Amino acid sequence: MPGYRGEAYVEAGTGEARVVSSTPNTAEIQVDGATEGAVVVYNMNYDPSWRANGKPAMVWKNAVAARVPAGSSRVRFTYYPRTMNAGLAVFAVSAALCGVFPWWRKRRAKRKAAAAKAERADGEAT
């Protein structure tokens, strides 16, 4: 595959990079022999939700990247969608409403039945 340089590589400088560990939303990259101002690139599609060592990650040719200091270092890339918390809140409210709505309808039906029964009883008493 032309242009493929691996899962992790050093760009804009020299050095070697390798993936030490990874999961679907994290990657730990070991960088050795980097020159000042080097950029380590993790070959994963960029999204603004990616972070490198807790700070927003850079985009490098549509991949996730971070500047590294000279020498050896480790970069931890993490991904947590920015909209995840809002999505979870919407889900929680929706789930609560799905649980409350049937209870509310049943309660309303009981009240109507009780009111109708009381009305019939009043009608018979007169």
C-alpha atoms as a PDB file:
ATOM      1  CA  MET A   1       0.000   0.000   0.000  1.00  0.00           C
ATOM      2  CA  PRO A   2       1.740   3.191  -1.134  1.00  0.00           C
ATOM      3  CA  GLY A   3       2.230   5.793   1.564  1.00  0.00           C
ATOM      4  CA  TYR A   4       1.376   3.496   4.486  1.00  0.00           C
ATOM      5  CA  ARG A   5       3.878   4.017   7.308  1.00  0.00           C
ATOM      6  CA  GLY A   6       2.414   1.830  10.049  1.00  0.00           C
ATOM      7  CA  GLU A   7       0.040   2.317  12.941  1.00  0.00           C
ATOM      8  CA  ALA A   8       2.301   4.939  14.546  1.00  0.00           C
ATOM      9  CA  TYR A   9       5.168   6.950  13.104  1.00  0.00           C
ATOM     10  CA  VAL A  10       7.150  10.138  13.626  1.00  0.00           C
ATOM     11  CA  GLU A  11       6.482  12.936  11.163  1.00  0.00           C
ATOM     12  CA  ALA A  12       7.985  16.457  10.922  1.00  0.00           C
ATOM     13  CA  GLY A  13      11.189  15.271  12.569  1.00  0.00           C
ATOM     14  CA  THR A  14      13.042  12.048  13.200  1.00  0.00           C
ATOM     15  CA  GLY A  15      12.578   9.200  15.630  1.00  0.00           C
ATOM     16  CA  GLU A  16      10.765   5.902  15.954  1.00  0.00           C
ATOM     17  CA  ALA A  17       7.245   5.282  17.203  1.00  0.00           C
ATOM     18  CA  ARG A  18       5.459   2.066  18.045  1.00  0.00           C
ATOM     19  CA  VAL A  19       2.079   1.178  19.509  1.00  0.00           C
ATOM     20  CA  VAL A  20       2.588  -0.268  22.998  1.00  0.00           C
ATOM     21  CA  SER A  21      -1.089  -0.960  23.683  1.00  0.00           C
ATOM     22  CA  SER A  22      -4.419  -0.130  22.115  1.00  0.00           C
ATOM     23  CA  THR A  23      -8.152  -0.543  22.544  1.00  0.00           C
ATOM     24  CA  PRO A  24     -10.930   0.816  20.318  1.00  0.00           C
ATOM     25  CA  ASN A  25     -10.729   4.199  22.078  1.00  0.00           C
ATOM     26  CA  THR A  26      -7.160   4.419  23.421  1.00  0.00           C
ATOM     27  CA  ALA A  27      -3.626   3.924  22.161  1.00  0.00           C
ATOM     28  CA  GLU A  28      -0.335   4.247  23.938  1.00  0.00           C
ATOM     29  CA  ILE A  29       2.594   5.138  21.677  1.00  0.00           C
ATOM     30  CA  GLN A  30       6.258   4.854  22.673  1.00  0.00           C
ATOM     31  CA  VAL A  31       8.449   7.401  20.900  1.00  0.00           C
ATOM     32  CA  ASP A  32      12.252   7.058  20.934  1.00  0.00           C
ATOM     33  CA  GLY A  33      14.938   9.304  19.463  1.00  0.00           C
ATOM     34  CA  ALA A  34      12.588  12.128  18.537  1.00  0.00           C
ATOM     35  CA  THR A  35      14.032  15.464  17.508  1.00  0.00           C
ATOM     36  CA  GLU A  36      12.715  18.754  18.906  1.00  0.00           C
ATOM     37  CA  GLY A  37       9.334  19.626  17.380  1.00  0.00           C
ATOM     38  CA  ALA A  38       8.677  16.126  16.055  1.00  0.00           C
ATOM     39  CA  VAL A  39       5.094  15.005  15.598  1.00  0.00           C
ATOM     40  CA  VAL A  40       3.958  11.474  16.393  1.00  0.00           C
ATOM     41  CA  VAL A  41       1.074  10.285  14.228  1.00  0.00           C
ATOM     42  CA  TYR A  42      -1.362   7.560  15.244  1.00  0.00           C
ATOM     43  CA  ASN A  43      -2.905   6.111  12.105  1.00  0.00           C
ATOM     44  CA  MET A  44      -6.534   6.614  13.145  1.00  0.00           C
ATOM     45  CA  ASN A  45      -9.090   8.907  11.523  1.00  0.00           C
ATOM     46  CA  TYR A  46      -9.067  12.295  13.203  1.00  0.00           C
ATOM     47  CA  ASP A  47     -12.058  13.542  15.149  1.00  0.00           C
ATOM     48  CA  PRO A  48     -12.065  16.568  17.481  1.00  0.00           C
ATOM     49  CA  SER A  49     -12.860  14.230  20.397  1.00  0.00           C
ATOM     50  CA  TRP A  50      -9.367  12.648  20.289  1.00  0.00           C
ATOM     51  CA  ARG A  51      -6.999  13.758  23.063  1.00  0.00           C
ATOM     52  CA  ALA A  52      -3.245  13.298  23.443  1.00  0.00           C
ATOM     53  CA  ASN A  53      -1.992  13.121  27.031  1.00  0.00           C
ATOM     54  CA  GLY A  54      -5.169  14.876  28.157  1.00  0.00           C
ATOM     55  CA  LYS A  55      -4.961  17.761  25.662  1.00  0.00           C
ATOM     56  CA  PRO A  56      -6.738  18.109  22.309  1.00  0.00           C
ATOM     57  CA  ALA A  57      -4.935  16.065  19.661  1.00  0.00           C
ATOM     58  CA  MET A  58      -3.650  17.573  16.416  1.00  0.00           C
ATOM     59  CA  VAL A  59      -4.848  16.591  12.980  1.00  0.00           C
ATOM     60  CA  TRP A  60      -2.116  15.453  10.591  1.00  0.00           C
ATOM     61  CA  LYS A  61      -3.270  14.495   7.088  1.00  0.00           C
ATOM     62  CA  ASN A  62      -6.611  13.446   8.604  1.00  0.00           C
ATOM     63  CA  ALA A  63      -4.916  11.274  11.251  1.00  0.00           C
ATOM     64  CA  VAL A  64      -4.529  11.814  15.003  1.00  0.00           C
ATOM     65  CA  ALA A  65      -1.225  13.415  16.043  1.00  0.00           C
ATOM     66  CA  ALA A  66       0.663  15.143  18.848  1.00  0.00           C
ATOM     67  CA  ARG A  67       3.902  17.087  19.250  1.00  0.00           C
ATOM     68  CA  VAL A  68       6.509  15.264  21.312  1.00  0.00           C
ATOM     69  CA  PRO A  69       9.582  16.528  23.163  1.00  0.00           C
ATOM     70  CA  ALA A  70      13.076  15.575  22.044  1.00  0.00           C
ATOM     71  CA  GLY A  71      14.257  12.143  23.167  1.00  0.00           C
ATOM     72  CA  SER A  72      11.995   9.386  24.439  1.00  0.00           C
ATOM     73  CA  SER A  73       8.410   9.844  25.550  1.00  0.00           C
ATOM     74  CA  ARG A  74       5.082   8.122  25.661  1.00  0.00           C
ATOM     75  CA  VAL A  75       1.872   9.531  24.209  1.00  0.00           C
ATOM     76  CA  ARG A  76      -1.537   8.297  25.305  1.00  0.00           C
ATOM     77  CA  PHE A  77      -4.275   8.971  22.771  1.00  0.00           C
ATOM     78  CA  THR A  78      -7.825   8.684  24.106  1.00  0.00           C
ATOM     79  CA  TYR A  79     -11.169   9.051  22.404  1.00  0.00           C
ATOM     80  CA  TYR A  80     -14.377   9.965  24.196  1.00  0.00           C
ATOM     81  CA  PRO A  81     -17.078  11.461  21.964  1.00  0.00           C
ATOM     82  CA  ARG A  82     -17.864  15.038  22.966  1.00  0.00           C
ATOM     83  CA  THR A  83     -21.574  14.393  22.485  1.00  0.00           C
ATOM     84  CA  MET A  84     -21.619  11.207  24.582  1.00  0.00           C
ATOM     85  CA  ASN A  85     -22.779  12.876  27.811  1.00  0.00           C
ATOM     86  CA  ALA A  86     -25.583  14.744  26.038  1.00  0.00           C
ATOM     87  CA  GLY A  87     -26.638  11.516  24.323  1.00  0.00           C
ATOM     88  CA  LEU A  88     -26.679   9.657  27.631  1.00  0.00           C
ATOM     89  CA  ALA A  89     -28.787  12.421  29.208  1.00  0.00           C
ATOM     90  CA  VAL A  90     -31.323  12.288  26.351  1.00  0.00           C
ATOM     91  CA  PHE A  91     -31.434   8.501  26.666  1.00  0.00           C
ATOM     92  CA  ALA A  92     -31.987   8.672  30.442  1.00  0.00           C
ATOM     93  CA  VAL A  93     -34.835  11.185  30.095  1.00  0.00           C
ATOM     94  CA  SER A  94     -36.420   9.139  27.293  1.00  0.00           C
ATOM     95  CA  ALA A  95     -36.157   5.925  29.298  1.00  0.00           C
ATOM     96  CA  ALA A  96     -37.699   7.638  32.327  1.00  0.00           C
ATOM     97  CA  LEU A  97     -40.581   8.958  30.224  1.00  0.00           C
ATOM     98  CA  CYS A  98     -41.142   5.505  28.736  1.00  0.00           C
ATOM     99  CA  GLY A  99     -41.458   4.173  32.278  1.00  0.00           C
ATOM    100  CA  VAL A 100     -43.636   7.024  33.577  1.00  0.00           C
ATOM    101  CA  PHE A 101     -46.063   7.290  30.644  1.00  0.00           C
ATOM    102  CA  PRO A 102     -47.734   3.850  31.073  1.00  0.00           C
ATOM    103  CA  TRP A 103     -48.006   4.417  34.837  1.00  0.00           C
ATOM    104  CA  TRP A 104     -49.549   7.874  34.243  1.00  0.00           C
ATOM    105  CA  ARG A 105     -52.078   6.470  31.714  1.00  0.00           C
ATOM    106  CA  LYS A 106     -53.079   3.685  34.103  1.00  0.00           C
ATOM    107  CA  ARG A 107     -53.475   6.158  36.981  1.00  0.00           C
ATOM    108  CA  ARG A 108     -55.514   8.497  34.776  1.00  0.00           C
ATOM    109  CA  ALA A 109     -57.787   5.630  33.690  1.00  0.00           C
ATOM    110  CA  LYS A 110     -58.358   4.649  37.342  1.00  0.00           C
ATOM    111  CA  ARG A 111     -59.255   8.253  38.235  1.00  0.00           C
ATOM    112  CA  LYS A 112     -61.710   8.469  35.328  1.00  0.00           C
ATOM    113  CA  ALA A 113     -63.281   5.166  36.347  1.00  0.00           C
ATOM    114  CA  ALA A 114     -63.577   6.338  39.961  1.00  0.00           C
ATOM    115  CA  ALA A 115     -65.105   9.660  38.846  1.00  0.00           C
ATOM    116  CA  ALA A 116     -67.595   7.859  36.583  1.00  0.00           C
ATOM    117  CA  LYS A 117     -68.531   5.485  39.415  1.00  0.00           C
ATOM    118  CA  ALA A 118     -69.011   8.420  41.805  1.00  0.00           C
ATOM    119  CA  GLU A 119     -71.137  10.205  39.196  1.00  0.00           C
ATOM    120  CA  ARG A 120     -73.324   7.121  38.744  1.00  0.00           C
ATOM    121  CA  ALA A 121     -73.681   6.802  42.510  1.00  0.00           C
ATOM    122  CA  ASP A 122     -74.713  10.470  42.746  1.00  0.00           C
ATOM    123  CA  GLY A 123     -77.225   9.963  39.927  1.00  0.00           C
ATOM    124  CA  GLU A 124     -78.781   6.943  41.632  1.00  0.00           C
ATOM    125  CA  ALA A 125     -78.995   8.731  44.974  1.00  0.00           C
ATOM    126  CA  THR A 126     -81.167  11.499  43.576  1.00  0.00           C
END
